[in-house]
Amino acid sequence: MTINSIIGAIQEVAPTSLQEGYDNSGLQLGDASKECTGILLCVDVTPGRVDEAIARGCNLIVSHHPLLFHGLKQITGATPHQQAVIRAIEAGVAIYSAHTSLDNAPGGVSAWLARELGLNYTGPLCPISADMPQAGAGALTTAATPLTAAMLADRVKKACGSPVCRCTTPPQGAVITRIAMCGGSGGSMIPDAIAAGAQAYITSDVRYHDFLDYADRIFIIDIGHFESEECTKRIFYHIITQKFPNFAVHYSDSEKNPINYI
């Protein structure tokens, strides 16, 4: 089975045509016509991820964040990004990334996160177009039973494996049933969540002034970027093993949240 076969399975669910204009989802480097010896799944490609792939006999890394998100003017090994590129090329490891193509895919990152939170997914927060109502960024969800703000925050922390989250102060006695979310950096979509009638919004990388400006209009939970997108590894695993159930697909053992809480 070739690397192209694996890419094709991912493209069936998250075609690169769904990515945002600023993004660089797709094959980052490598020869996709080669036979695939194994797959390593991760959120971010680093020199350590490449070394892990080599050690585990994998010649394909599938990541959420593109290794080549910004253009490289030199490849000298001066930065971790450049080191990862050099090591991957030298070892013959291909790298494929599905970033906003997976975010915007029907049943993509935010929809998956909603299910892991035990919420009922009803559709994307920002559909791409009327012709593709199930494709788009973010998710709108409902809770089976009303939740307090504290209950929702606890559920998010447990599901995402985080000891803490940043959040606004909810109105006293607030009851939450309609929840919007966006895996990754979703601060720009807070107005969309409010317009959709959401009482709470779960995302990451929210700016101080967004907390300040919207605190009295919606309960905001910032769970952290890595925490909100670690589920992408499970999505990739599901996609690939559904198509190729007996193939060697590995979660990265070395990948950890680069942010520590002390």
C-alpha atoms as a PDB file:
ATOM      1  CA  MET A   1       0.000   0.000   0.000  1.00  0.00           C
ATOM      2  CA  THR A   2       1.386   3.386  -0.973  1.00  0.00           C
ATOM      3  CA  ILE A   3       1.511   6.614   0.979  1.00  0.00           C
ATOM      4  CA  ASN A   4      -0.873   7.973  -1.655  1.00  0.00           C
ATOM      5  CA  SER A   5      -3.445   5.386  -0.549  1.00  0.00           C
ATOM      6  CA  ILE A   6      -3.342   6.749   3.013  1.00  0.00           C
ATOM      7  CA  ILE A   7      -3.559  10.323   1.767  1.00  0.00           C
ATOM      8  CA  GLY A   8      -6.541   9.351  -0.371  1.00  0.00           C
ATOM      9  CA  ALA A   9      -8.385   7.990   2.664  1.00  0.00           C
ATOM     10  CA  ILE A  10      -7.834  11.252   4.547  1.00  0.00           C
ATOM     11  CA  GLN A  11      -8.800  13.313   1.496  1.00  0.00           C
ATOM     12  CA  GLU A  12     -12.121  11.477   1.258  1.00  0.00           C
ATOM     13  CA  VAL A  13     -13.054  12.919   4.653  1.00  0.00           C
ATOM     14  CA  ALA A  14     -11.078  16.164   4.649  1.00  0.00           C
ATOM     15  CA  PRO A  15     -10.260  17.278   1.088  1.00  0.00           C
ATOM     16  CA  THR A  16      -7.749  20.089   0.798  1.00  0.00           C
ATOM     17  CA  SER A  17     -10.405  22.066  -1.095  1.00  0.00           C
ATOM     18  CA  LEU A  18     -12.014  22.747   2.308  1.00  0.00           C
ATOM     19  CA  GLN A  19      -8.960  24.490   3.752  1.00  0.00           C
ATOM     20  CA  GLU A  20      -8.821  28.225   4.388  1.00  0.00           C
ATOM     21  CA  GLY A  21      -6.915  30.424   1.946  1.00  0.00           C
ATOM     22  CA  TYR A  22      -4.087  31.094   4.404  1.00  0.00           C
ATOM     23  CA  ASP A  23      -3.507  27.409   5.144  1.00  0.00           C
ATOM     24  CA  ASN A  24      -1.102  24.813   3.744  1.00  0.00           C
ATOM     25  CA  SER A  25      -2.846  21.492   4.317  1.00  0.00           C
ATOM     26  CA  GLY A  26      -1.698  18.584   2.170  1.00  0.00           C
ATOM     27  CA  LEU A  27       1.533  16.729   1.476  1.00  0.00           C
ATOM     28  CA  GLN A  28       4.322  18.790   3.042  1.00  0.00           C
ATOM     29  CA  LEU A  29       7.252  16.760   1.751  1.00  0.00           C
ATOM     30  CA  GLY A  30       8.181  13.264   0.607  1.00  0.00           C
ATOM     31  CA  ASP A  31       7.461  10.808  -2.187  1.00  0.00           C
ATOM     32  CA  ALA A  32       3.837   9.705  -1.911  1.00  0.00           C
ATOM     33  CA  SER A  33       4.308   6.945  -4.479  1.00  0.00           C
ATOM     34  CA  LYS A  34       6.415   4.906  -2.052  1.00  0.00           C
ATOM     35  CA  GLU A  35       5.089   1.926  -0.127  1.00  0.00           C
ATOM     36  CA  CYS A  36       3.951   2.980   3.340  1.00  0.00           C
ATOM     37  CA  THR A  37       5.734   1.134   6.154  1.00  0.00           C
ATOM     38  CA  GLY A  38       3.817   2.693   9.041  1.00  0.00           C
ATOM     39  CA  ILE A  39       2.137   5.912  10.159  1.00  0.00           C
ATOM     40  CA  LEU A  40       2.845   8.168  13.134  1.00  0.00           C
ATOM     41  CA  LEU A  41       0.047  10.517  14.227  1.00  0.00           C
ATOM     42  CA  CYS A  42       0.687  13.838  15.967  1.00  0.00           C
ATOM     43  CA  VAL A  43      -0.552  17.399  16.349  1.00  0.00           C
ATOM     44  CA  ASP A  44       2.801  19.050  15.575  1.00  0.00           C
ATOM     45  CA  VAL A  45       5.813  17.849  13.602  1.00  0.00           C
ATOM     46  CA  THR A  46       9.093  18.413  15.443  1.00  0.00           C
ATOM     47  CA  PRO A  47      12.556  16.880  15.142  1.00  0.00           C
ATOM     48  CA  GLY A  48      11.528  14.568  17.985  1.00  0.00           C
ATOM     49  CA  ARG A  49       8.441  13.385  16.087  1.00  0.00           C
ATOM     50  CA  VAL A  50      10.583  12.602  13.043  1.00  0.00           C
ATOM     51  CA  ASP A  51      13.043  10.653  15.198  1.00  0.00           C
ATOM     52  CA  GLU A  52      10.146   8.739  16.746  1.00  0.00           C
ATOM     53  CA  ALA A  53       8.738   7.884  13.315  1.00  0.00           C
ATOM     54  CA  ILE A  54      12.127   6.570  12.199  1.00  0.00           C
ATOM     55  CA  ALA A  55      12.553   4.512  15.387  1.00  0.00           C
ATOM     56  CA  ARG A  56       9.105   2.960  14.957  1.00  0.00           C
ATOM     57  CA  GLY A  57       9.603   2.121  11.295  1.00  0.00           C
ATOM     58  CA  CYS A  58       7.124   4.694   9.993  1.00  0.00           C
ATOM     59  CA  ASN A  59       7.814   6.503   6.735  1.00  0.00           C
ATOM     60  CA  LEU A  60       4.697   8.686   6.979  1.00  0.00           C
ATOM     61  CA  ILE A  61       3.802  11.274   9.608  1.00  0.00           C
ATOM     62  CA  VAL A  62       0.242  12.587   9.621  1.00  0.00           C
ATOM     63  CA  SER A  63      -0.117  15.816  11.601  1.00  0.00           C
ATOM     64  CA  HIS A  64      -2.804  18.395  12.225  1.00  0.00           C
ATOM     65  CA  HIS A  65      -0.593  21.479  12.064  1.00  0.00           C
ATOM     66  CA  PRO A  66       1.347  21.846   8.792  1.00  0.00           C
ATOM     67  CA  LEU A  67       5.111  21.652   9.148  1.00  0.00           C
ATOM     68  CA  LEU A  68       5.461  24.162   6.302  1.00  0.00           C
ATOM     69  CA  PHE A  69       2.802  26.637   7.356  1.00  0.00           C
ATOM     70  CA  HIS A  70       5.040  29.602   6.588  1.00  0.00           C
ATOM     71  CA  GLY A  71       7.525  29.586   3.747  1.00  0.00           C
ATOM     72  CA  LEU A  72      11.148  28.693   4.463  1.00  0.00           C
ATOM     73  CA  LYS A  73      13.831  30.913   2.936  1.00  0.00           C
ATOM     74  CA  GLN A  74      16.680  28.747   4.204  1.00  0.00           C
ATOM     75  CA  ILE A  75      16.929  25.092   5.217  1.00  0.00           C
ATOM     76  CA  THR A  76      20.131  25.043   7.242  1.00  0.00           C
ATOM     77  CA  GLY A  77      18.998  23.365  10.443  1.00  0.00           C
ATOM     78  CA  ALA A  78      19.045  26.660  12.332  1.00  0.00           C
ATOM     79  CA  THR A  79      15.501  26.185  13.687  1.00  0.00           C
ATOM     80  CA  PRO A  80      13.491  23.169  14.872  1.00  0.00           C
ATOM     81  CA  HIS A  81      11.305  23.463  11.769  1.00  0.00           C
ATOM     82  CA  GLN A  82      14.329  23.308   9.494  1.00  0.00           C
ATOM     83  CA  GLN A  83      15.804  20.420  11.493  1.00  0.00           C
ATOM     84  CA  ALA A  84      12.557  18.457  11.112  1.00  0.00           C
ATOM     85  CA  VAL A  85      12.554  19.058   7.349  1.00  0.00           C
ATOM     86  CA  ILE A  86      16.168  17.924   6.978  1.00  0.00           C
ATOM     87  CA  ARG A  87      15.734  14.807   9.115  1.00  0.00           C
ATOM     88  CA  ALA A  88      12.542  13.793   7.329  1.00  0.00           C
ATOM     89  CA  ILE A  89      14.062  14.203   3.867  1.00  0.00           C
ATOM     90  CA  GLU A  90      17.266  12.377   4.823  1.00  0.00           C
ATOM     91  CA  ALA A  91      15.278   9.469   6.303  1.00  0.00           C
ATOM     92  CA  GLY A  92      12.697   9.322   3.521  1.00  0.00           C
ATOM     93  CA  VAL A  93       9.806  10.172   5.852  1.00  0.00           C
ATOM     94  CA  ALA A  94       6.844  11.841   4.145  1.00  0.00           C
ATOM     95  CA  ILE A  95       4.719  14.348   6.047  1.00  0.00           C
ATOM     96  CA  TYR A  96       1.044  14.997   5.398  1.00  0.00           C
ATOM     97  CA  SER A  97      -0.975  17.605   7.299  1.00  0.00           C
ATOM     98  CA  ALA A  98      -4.722  18.163   7.493  1.00  0.00           C
ATOM     99  CA  HIS A  99      -5.275  21.472   9.266  1.00  0.00           C
ATOM    100  CA  THR A 100      -8.265  23.639   8.364  1.00  0.00           C
ATOM    101  CA  SER A 101      -9.281  21.007   5.824  1.00  0.00           C
ATOM    102  CA  LEU A 102     -10.039  18.784   8.835  1.00  0.00           C
ATOM    103  CA  ASP A 103     -11.437  21.705  10.849  1.00  0.00           C
ATOM    104  CA  ASN A 104     -13.962  22.455   8.104  1.00  0.00           C
ATOM    105  CA  ALA A 105     -14.786  18.870   7.151  1.00  0.00           C
ATOM    106  CA  PRO A 106     -18.267  17.536   7.976  1.00  0.00           C
ATOM    107  CA  GLY A 107     -17.875  15.826  11.331  1.00  0.00           C
ATOM    108  CA  GLY A 108     -14.426  17.394  11.690  1.00  0.00           C
ATOM    109  CA  VAL A 109     -12.449  18.627  14.689  1.00  0.00           C
ATOM    110  CA  SER A 110     -15.136  20.602  16.517  1.00  0.00           C
ATOM    111  CA  ALA A 111     -17.841  18.000  15.882  1.00  0.00           C
ATOM    112  CA  TRP A 112     -15.537  15.284  17.219  1.00  0.00           C
ATOM    113  CA  LEU A 113     -14.725  17.421  20.272  1.00  0.00           C
ATOM    114  CA  ALA A 114     -18.443  17.903  20.873  1.00  0.00           C
ATOM    115  CA  ARG A 115     -18.989  14.150  20.963  1.00  0.00           C
ATOM    116  CA  GLU A 116     -16.097  13.669  23.370  1.00  0.00           C
ATOM    117  CA  LEU A 117     -17.778  16.236  25.618  1.00  0.00           C
ATOM    118  CA  GLY A 118     -21.018  14.262  25.513  1.00  0.00           C
ATOM    119  CA  LEU A 119     -22.893  17.013  23.661  1.00  0.00           C
ATOM    120  CA  ASN A 120     -25.322  16.691  20.768  1.00  0.00           C
ATOM    121  CA  TYR A 121     -23.778  18.084  17.578  1.00  0.00           C
ATOM    122  CA  THR A 122     -26.278  19.975  15.411  1.00  0.00           C
ATOM    123  CA  GLY A 123     -24.044  21.506  12.719  1.00  0.00           C
ATOM    124  CA  PRO A 124     -21.094  23.818  12.032  1.00  0.00           C
ATOM    125  CA  LEU A 125     -21.013  27.227  13.677  1.00  0.00           C
ATOM    126  CA  CYS A 126     -19.924  28.912  10.438  1.00  0.00           C
ATOM    127  CA  PRO A 127     -20.968  26.857   7.380  1.00  0.00           C
ATOM    128  CA  ILE A 128     -18.789  27.286   4.308  1.00  0.00           C
ATOM    129  CA  SER A 129     -21.764  27.856   2.014  1.00  0.00           C
ATOM    130  CA  ALA A 130     -25.438  27.112   1.531  1.00  0.00           C
ATOM    131  CA  ASP A 131     -24.409  24.358  -0.875  1.00  0.00           C
ATOM    132  CA  MET A 132     -22.328  22.678   1.850  1.00  0.00           C
ATOM    133  CA  PRO A 133     -24.328  23.194   5.058  1.00  0.00           C
ATOM    134  CA  GLN A 134     -22.484  20.468   6.988  1.00  0.00           C
ATOM    135  CA  ALA A 135     -18.997  21.766   6.150  1.00  0.00           C
ATOM    136  CA  GLY A 136     -17.539  24.698   8.018  1.00  0.00           C
ATOM    137  CA  ALA A 137     -15.741  25.928  11.093  1.00  0.00           C
ATOM    138  CA  GLY A 138     -16.764  25.299  14.669  1.00  0.00           C
ATOM    139  CA  ALA A 139     -19.762  23.450  16.030  1.00  0.00           C
ATOM    140  CA  LEU A 140     -23.178  24.148  17.485  1.00  0.00           C
ATOM    141  CA  THR A 141     -24.314  21.703  20.134  1.00  0.00           C
ATOM    142  CA  THR A 142     -26.966  21.114  22.751  1.00  0.00           C
ATOM    143  CA  ALA A 143     -26.696  19.485  26.164  1.00  0.00           C
ATOM    144  CA  ALA A 144     -29.053  16.601  26.931  1.00  0.00           C
ATOM    145  CA  THR A 145     -29.680  18.121  30.362  1.00  0.00           C
ATOM    146  CA  PRO A 146     -29.110  21.716  31.493  1.00  0.00           C
ATOM    147  CA  LEU A 147     -25.621  22.456  32.818  1.00  0.00           C
ATOM    148  CA  THR A 148     -24.284  25.073  35.173  1.00  0.00           C
ATOM    149  CA  ALA A 149     -21.148  26.917  34.100  1.00  0.00           C
ATOM    150  CA  ALA A 150     -19.114  24.988  36.679  1.00  0.00           C
ATOM    151  CA  MET A 151     -20.468  21.659  35.422  1.00  0.00           C
ATOM    152  CA  LEU A 152     -19.573  22.531  31.832  1.00  0.00           C
ATOM    153  CA  ALA A 153     -16.080  23.720  32.765  1.00  0.00           C
ATOM    154  CA  ASP A 154     -15.442  20.521  34.740  1.00  0.00           C
ATOM    155  CA  ARG A 155     -16.644  18.394  31.835  1.00  0.00           C
ATOM    156  CA  VAL A 156     -14.344  20.227  29.430  1.00  0.00           C
ATOM    157  CA  LYS A 157     -11.317  19.870  31.705  1.00  0.00           C
ATOM    158  CA  LYS A 158     -11.894  16.147  32.202  1.00  0.00           C
ATOM    159  CA  ALA A 159     -12.477  15.442  28.510  1.00  0.00           C
ATOM    160  CA  CYS A 160      -9.438  17.452  27.421  1.00  0.00           C
ATOM    161  CA  GLY A 161      -7.158  16.251  30.214  1.00  0.00           C
ATOM    162  CA  SER A 162      -6.434  19.726  31.513  1.00  0.00           C
ATOM    163  CA  PRO A 163      -6.148  20.745  35.180  1.00  0.00           C
ATOM    164  CA  VAL A 164      -7.316  24.280  34.466  1.00  0.00           C
ATOM    165  CA  CYS A 165      -9.139  26.432  31.948  1.00  0.00           C
ATOM    166  CA  ARG A 166      -9.565  30.164  31.506  1.00  0.00           C
ATOM    167  CA  CYS A 167     -13.140  31.397  31.588  1.00  0.00           C
ATOM    168  CA  THR A 168     -15.349  34.399  32.136  1.00  0.00           C
ATOM    169  CA  THR A 169     -17.510  34.814  35.226  1.00  0.00           C
ATOM    170  CA  PRO A 170     -20.976  33.473  34.341  1.00  0.00           C
ATOM    171  CA  PRO A 171     -24.166  35.205  35.476  1.00  0.00           C
ATOM    172  CA  GLN A 172     -25.272  33.852  38.846  1.00  0.00           C
ATOM    173  CA  GLY A 173     -27.578  30.868  38.427  1.00  0.00           C
ATOM    174  CA  ALA A 174     -26.925  30.643  34.681  1.00  0.00           C
ATOM    175  CA  VAL A 175     -28.247  27.472  33.056  1.00  0.00           C
ATOM    176  CA  ILE A 176     -26.574  26.337  29.842  1.00  0.00           C
ATOM    177  CA  THR A 177     -28.131  24.126  27.171  1.00  0.00           C
ATOM    178  CA  ARG A 178     -26.822  25.586  23.898  1.00  0.00           C
ATOM    179  CA  ILE A 179     -23.052  25.483  23.461  1.00  0.00           C
ATOM    180  CA  ALA A 180     -20.806  26.542  20.571  1.00  0.00           C
ATOM    181  CA  MET A 181     -17.191  25.539  20.177  1.00  0.00           C
ATOM    182  CA  CYS A 182     -14.195  25.741  17.897  1.00  0.00           C
ATOM    183  CA  GLY A 183     -11.082  23.610  18.263  1.00  0.00           C
ATOM    184  CA  GLY A 184      -7.922  25.680  17.977  1.00  0.00           C
ATOM    185  CA  SER A 185      -7.807  29.477  17.847  1.00  0.00           C
ATOM    186  CA  GLY A 186     -11.441  30.506  17.702  1.00  0.00           C
ATOM    187  CA  GLY A 187     -11.582  33.893  19.377  1.00  0.00           C
ATOM    188  CA  SER A 188     -12.665  35.590  16.150  1.00  0.00           C
ATOM    189  CA  MET A 189     -15.838  33.477  16.113  1.00  0.00           C
ATOM    190  CA  ILE A 190     -17.203  34.660  19.472  1.00  0.00           C
ATOM    191  CA  PRO A 191     -19.667  37.031  17.713  1.00  0.00           C
ATOM    192  CA  ASP A 192     -20.870  34.092  15.589  1.00  0.00           C
ATOM    193  CA  ALA A 193     -21.495  32.039  18.717  1.00  0.00           C
ATOM    194  CA  ILE A 194     -23.502  34.877  20.236  1.00  0.00           C
ATOM    195  CA  ALA A 195     -25.472  35.396  17.010  1.00  0.00           C
ATOM    196  CA  ALA A 196     -26.286  31.672  16.961  1.00  0.00           C
ATOM    197  CA  GLY A 197     -27.848  31.932  20.406  1.00  0.00           C
ATOM    198  CA  ALA A 198     -25.152  29.981  22.236  1.00  0.00           C
ATOM    199  CA  GLN A 199     -24.973  30.496  25.978  1.00  0.00           C
ATOM    200  CA  ALA A 200     -21.401  29.210  26.171  1.00  0.00           C
ATOM    201  CA  TYR A 201     -18.432  29.063  23.811  1.00  0.00           C
ATOM    202  CA  ILE A 202     -15.475  26.683  24.102  1.00  0.00           C
ATOM    203  CA  THR A 203     -12.258  27.426  22.194  1.00  0.00           C
ATOM    204  CA  SER A 204      -8.633  28.466  22.749  1.00  0.00           C
ATOM    205  CA  ASP A 205      -6.212  31.380  22.376  1.00  0.00           C
ATOM    206  CA  VAL A 206      -8.857  33.926  23.420  1.00  0.00           C
ATOM    207  CA  ARG A 207      -7.442  37.436  23.800  1.00  0.00           C
ATOM    208  CA  TYR A 208      -7.725  39.438  27.016  1.00  0.00           C
ATOM    209  CA  HIS A 209      -9.908  42.080  25.388  1.00  0.00           C
ATOM    210  CA  ASP A 210     -12.275  39.441  24.026  1.00  0.00           C
ATOM    211  CA  PHE A 211     -12.792  38.141  27.551  1.00  0.00           C
ATOM    212  CA  LEU A 212     -13.400  41.731  28.637  1.00  0.00           C
ATOM    213  CA  ASP A 213     -15.713  42.727  25.788  1.00  0.00           C
ATOM    214  CA  TYR A 214     -17.937  39.636  25.730  1.00  0.00           C
ATOM    215  CA  ALA A 215     -18.013  38.631  29.401  1.00  0.00           C
ATOM    216  CA  ASP A 216     -21.591  39.775  29.919  1.00  0.00           C
ATOM    217  CA  ARG A 217     -22.913  38.232  26.687  1.00  0.00           C
ATOM    218  CA  ILE A 218     -21.647  34.639  26.673  1.00  0.00           C
ATOM    219  CA  PHE A 219     -19.788  32.257  28.981  1.00  0.00           C
ATOM    220  CA  ILE A 220     -16.346  31.724  27.411  1.00  0.00           C
ATOM    221  CA  ILE A 221     -14.114  28.747  28.172  1.00  0.00           C
ATOM    222  CA  ASP A 222     -10.536  28.768  26.858  1.00  0.00           C
ATOM    223  CA  ILE A 223      -9.275  25.211  27.242  1.00  0.00           C
ATOM    224  CA  GLY A 224      -5.907  25.675  25.528  1.00  0.00           C
ATOM    225  CA  HIS A 225      -4.832  25.138  21.940  1.00  0.00           C
ATOM    226  CA  PHE A 226      -3.194  21.729  22.297  1.00  0.00           C
ATOM    227  CA  GLU A 227      -5.980  20.465  24.547  1.00  0.00           C
ATOM    228  CA  SER A 228      -8.671  21.449  22.053  1.00  0.00           C
ATOM    229  CA  GLU A 229      -6.938  19.756  19.112  1.00  0.00           C
ATOM    230  CA  GLU A 230      -5.336  16.635  20.563  1.00  0.00           C
ATOM    231  CA  CYS A 231      -8.454  14.799  19.404  1.00  0.00           C
ATOM    232  CA  THR A 232      -7.191  15.181  15.814  1.00  0.00           C
ATOM    233  CA  LYS A 233      -4.936  12.167  16.387  1.00  0.00           C
ATOM    234  CA  ARG A 234      -7.983  10.077  17.232  1.00  0.00           C
ATOM    235  CA  ILE A 235      -9.779  11.394  14.150  1.00  0.00           C
ATOM    236  CA  PHE A 236      -6.862  10.417  11.907  1.00  0.00           C
ATOM    237  CA  TYR A 237      -6.699   6.992  13.545  1.00  0.00           C
ATOM    238  CA  HIS A 238     -10.414   6.457  12.959  1.00  0.00           C
ATOM    239  CA  ILE A 239     -10.218   7.547   9.308  1.00  0.00           C
ATOM    240  CA  ILE A 240      -7.216   5.379   8.470  1.00  0.00           C
ATOM    241  CA  THR A 241      -8.203   2.231  10.379  1.00  0.00           C
ATOM    242  CA  GLN A 242     -11.738   2.333   9.004  1.00  0.00           C
ATOM    243  CA  LYS A 243     -10.220   2.022   5.533  1.00  0.00           C
ATOM    244  CA  PHE A 244      -7.178  -0.089   6.424  1.00  0.00           C
ATOM    245  CA  PRO A 245      -8.017  -1.950   9.665  1.00  0.00           C
ATOM    246  CA  ASN A 246      -4.835  -4.022   9.855  1.00  0.00           C
ATOM    247  CA  PHE A 247      -2.291  -1.338   9.050  1.00  0.00           C
ATOM    248  CA  ALA A 248       0.385  -0.065  11.473  1.00  0.00           C
ATOM    249  CA  VAL A 249      -0.919   3.265  12.781  1.00  0.00           C
ATOM    250  CA  HIS A 250       0.685   4.723  15.907  1.00  0.00           C
ATOM    251  CA  TYR A 251      -0.073   7.627  18.208  1.00  0.00           C
ATOM    252  CA  SER A 252       3.059   9.581  19.047  1.00  0.00           C
ATOM    253  CA  ASP A 253       4.312   8.557  22.496  1.00  0.00           C
ATOM    254  CA  SER A 254       6.671  11.499  22.779  1.00  0.00           C
ATOM    255  CA  GLU A 255       4.224  14.311  22.016  1.00  0.00           C
ATOM    256  CA  LYS A 256       3.254  16.388  25.025  1.00  0.00           C
ATOM    257  CA  ASN A 257       1.599  19.756  25.472  1.00  0.00           C
ATOM    258  CA  PRO A 258       4.422  22.311  25.143  1.00  0.00           C
ATOM    259  CA  ILE A 259       2.663  24.448  27.775  1.00  0.00           C
ATOM    260  CA  ASN A 260       3.015  23.406  31.427  1.00  0.00           C
ATOM    261  CA  TYR A 261       0.813  24.492  34.329  1.00  0.00           C
ATOM    262  CA  ILE A 262       2.555  25.065  37.667  1.00  0.00           C
END
